[in-house]
Amino acid sequence: MNDLEQIDLAKAYVALSNAHRHEFIVPMFAHGGMYRSSNVGEFKGRKAIGEMMDDFFSRFPDVRWNVLEYRGAGENAVEFEFAMTATEVATGKSIERKGVETIVFTQEGLISSLNDIHWLYSPGKTPRFPRYGRGEIASYSAQSRG
C-alpha cells in the first residue's frame, strides 16, 4: 500500500469514529491488533477493542474528532493531530483534548496498531498531560511505533 491509500484508510477510520459506527471500525483492525491510548489504556484484539469502544461511545455520545492534516509516517503508518470534543454523560462536563495519533497498517490494509496521545487543553493555557510527562510523550510515541 502507498501513503495515499493508507491516508484514505485513516480518514475512513476517523469518519466512522465521528459517526460512532464502532461496529464498522472494529473489523478494520487485524485480529491481533493493538489499540493504545494515553486516555483509555491498552487493548489487544478485536473483542477487547470493541468492548472499549462500546464503553467509550456510551460515556461520550457526542464525541467528535477534527483533523486538519494526515501525513505518511514511515512504512505502513499514518500520523495526524486531532482535536477531540465531547460531553461526559455521567457528569455533563464538556471535554476538549488535543493529541497525535499514529495508525500502522498491515500490507492487507488492516490496522495492526493504533497509538494516540491525548492532552487536556484549554485555550490560552499550557496542555496538561494526563498520564505522561512532557518528556515522556516523545519516548512513548517512538516506543509505540517500534
Protein backbone atom coordinates (compact mmCIF):
# COMPACT_ATOMS: atom_id res chain seq x y z
CA MET A 1 0.00 0.00 0.00
CA ASN A 2 1.17 3.50 -0.69
CA ASP A 3 0.85 6.59 1.54
CA LEU A 4 -2.30 7.85 -0.20
CA GLU A 5 -4.12 4.52 0.30
CA GLN A 6 -3.09 4.48 3.97
CA ILE A 7 -4.22 8.08 4.44
CA ASP A 8 -7.59 7.18 2.88
CA LEU A 9 -7.94 4.31 5.38
CA ALA A 10 -7.05 6.64 8.28
CA LYS A 11 -9.66 9.14 7.05
CA ALA A 12 -12.25 6.34 6.88
CA TYR A 13 -11.37 5.34 10.46
CA VAL A 14 -11.89 8.92 11.69
CA ALA A 15 -15.13 9.33 9.69
CA LEU A 16 -16.53 6.11 11.19
CA SER A 17 -15.43 7.26 14.65
CA ASN A 18 -17.23 10.58 14.16
CA ALA A 19 -20.33 8.67 13.02
CA HIS A 20 -19.99 6.46 16.14
CA ARG A 21 -20.05 3.33 13.96
CA HIS A 22 -17.74 1.14 16.02
CA GLU A 23 -19.36 -1.96 14.51
CA PHE A 24 -17.58 -0.95 11.27
CA ILE A 25 -14.40 0.27 12.99
CA VAL A 26 -13.56 -2.96 14.81
CA PRO A 27 -13.24 -5.05 11.59
CA MET A 28 -10.66 -2.50 10.37
CA PHE A 29 -8.26 -3.96 12.98
CA ALA A 30 -6.15 -7.06 12.40
CA HIS A 31 -7.27 -9.92 14.67
CA GLY A 32 -4.30 -9.34 16.99
CA GLY A 33 -4.38 -5.57 16.51
CA MET A 34 -3.35 -3.25 19.33
CA TYR A 35 -5.07 -0.04 20.48
CA ARG A 36 -3.00 2.16 22.81
CA SER A 37 -4.26 5.45 24.20
CA SER A 38 -2.93 7.72 26.91
CA ASN A 39 -6.61 8.39 27.66
CA VAL A 40 -8.26 4.94 27.80
CA GLY A 41 -5.37 2.46 28.05
CA GLU A 42 -4.19 -0.52 26.01
CA PHE A 43 -6.37 -3.14 24.33
CA LYS A 44 -5.35 -6.12 22.20
CA GLY A 45 -7.58 -7.95 19.76
CA ARG A 46 -10.87 -7.07 18.14
CA LYS A 47 -13.03 -8.23 21.06
CA ALA A 48 -11.23 -6.06 23.64
CA ILE A 49 -11.10 -3.09 21.27
CA GLY A 50 -14.83 -3.43 20.53
CA GLU A 51 -15.73 -3.58 24.22
CA MET A 52 -13.62 -0.47 24.91
CA MET A 53 -15.34 1.38 22.06
CA ASP A 54 -18.80 0.33 23.28
CA ASP A 55 -17.99 1.80 26.69
CA PHE A 56 -16.32 4.92 25.29
CA PHE A 57 -19.13 5.86 22.90
CA SER A 58 -21.76 5.31 25.59
CA ARG A 59 -19.85 7.58 28.01
CA PHE A 60 -19.29 10.26 25.34
CA PRO A 61 -22.21 10.06 22.89
CA ASP A 62 -21.42 13.39 21.19
CA VAL A 63 -17.68 12.85 20.79
CA ARG A 64 -16.11 14.28 17.65
CA TRP A 65 -12.58 14.38 16.28
CA ASN A 66 -11.40 17.17 13.99
CA VAL A 67 -8.29 16.50 11.91
CA LEU A 68 -6.65 19.16 9.80
CA GLU A 69 -3.96 17.11 8.09
CA TYR A 70 -2.97 13.49 7.61
CA ARG A 71 0.61 12.56 6.75
CA GLY A 72 2.63 9.45 6.00
CA ALA A 73 4.76 8.48 8.98
CA GLY A 74 7.14 5.90 7.61
CA GLU A 75 6.49 2.42 6.32
CA ASN A 76 2.80 1.48 6.59
CA ALA A 77 1.98 4.32 9.01
CA VAL A 78 -0.14 7.46 9.04
CA GLU A 79 0.01 10.20 11.66
CA PHE A 80 -2.34 13.08 12.36
CA GLU A 81 -3.01 15.68 15.01
CA PHE A 82 -6.56 15.96 16.25
CA ALA A 83 -8.84 17.99 18.46
CA MET A 84 -11.47 15.97 20.28
CA THR A 85 -14.59 17.46 21.86
CA ALA A 86 -17.15 15.57 23.92
CA THR A 87 -19.55 15.75 26.82
CA GLU A 88 -19.33 13.11 29.52
CA VAL A 89 -22.81 11.68 30.18
CA ALA A 90 -22.25 10.97 33.89
CA THR A 91 -21.12 14.49 34.78
CA GLY A 92 -22.35 16.69 31.92
CA LYS A 93 -18.80 18.05 31.75
CA SER A 94 -17.51 19.28 28.38
CA ILE A 95 -14.11 17.93 27.45
CA GLU A 96 -11.65 19.21 24.88
CA ARG A 97 -8.47 17.33 24.15
CA LYS A 98 -5.79 17.58 21.52
CA GLY A 99 -3.38 14.89 20.56
CA VAL A 100 -1.44 12.94 18.00
CA GLU A 101 -2.47 9.57 16.61
CA THR A 102 -0.38 7.07 14.67
CA ILE A 103 -2.01 4.20 12.80
CA VAL A 104 0.15 1.35 11.48
CA PHE A 105 -1.37 -0.85 8.77
CA THR A 106 -0.69 -4.39 7.62
CA GLN A 107 0.04 -4.99 3.93
CA GLU A 108 -3.62 -6.01 3.62
CA GLY A 109 -4.81 -2.62 4.88
CA LEU A 110 -5.87 -3.68 8.39
CA ILE A 111 -4.84 -1.71 11.47
CA SER A 112 -2.05 -3.55 13.27
CA SER A 113 -1.61 -0.84 15.89
CA LEU A 114 -3.16 2.47 16.78
CA ASN A 115 -1.37 4.74 19.22
CA ASP A 116 -2.68 8.05 20.43
CA ILE A 117 -1.53 10.56 22.93
CA HIS A 118 -4.10 12.98 24.36
CA TRP A 119 -3.57 16.06 26.41
CA LEU A 120 -6.15 18.20 28.13
CA TYR A 121 -6.49 21.61 26.58
CA SER A 122 -7.92 24.94 27.47
CA PRO A 123 -7.38 27.89 25.12
CA GLY A 124 -4.58 30.12 26.37
CA LYS A 125 -3.28 27.52 28.84
CA THR A 126 -0.43 25.04 28.71
CA PRO A 127 -1.57 21.49 27.81
CA ARG A 128 -1.84 19.12 30.77
CA PHE A 129 -0.75 15.54 30.12
CA PRO A 130 -2.95 13.03 31.98
CA ARG A 131 -0.59 10.05 32.15
CA TYR A 132 2.71 11.11 30.62
CA GLY A 133 5.03 13.98 31.40
CA ARG A 134 6.13 16.22 28.57
CA GLY A 135 9.47 14.47 28.10
CA GLU A 136 7.78 11.08 28.03
CA ILE A 137 5.50 11.93 25.10
CA ALA A 138 8.26 11.61 22.51
CA SER A 139 9.60 8.39 24.02
CA TYR A 140 6.10 6.86 24.29
CA SER A 141 5.39 7.76 20.68
CA ALA A 142 8.71 6.31 19.50
CA GLN A 143 8.21 3.09 21.54
CA SER A 144 4.70 2.59 20.20
CA ARG A 145 5.92 2.74 16.59
CA GLY A 146 8.73 0.26 17.08
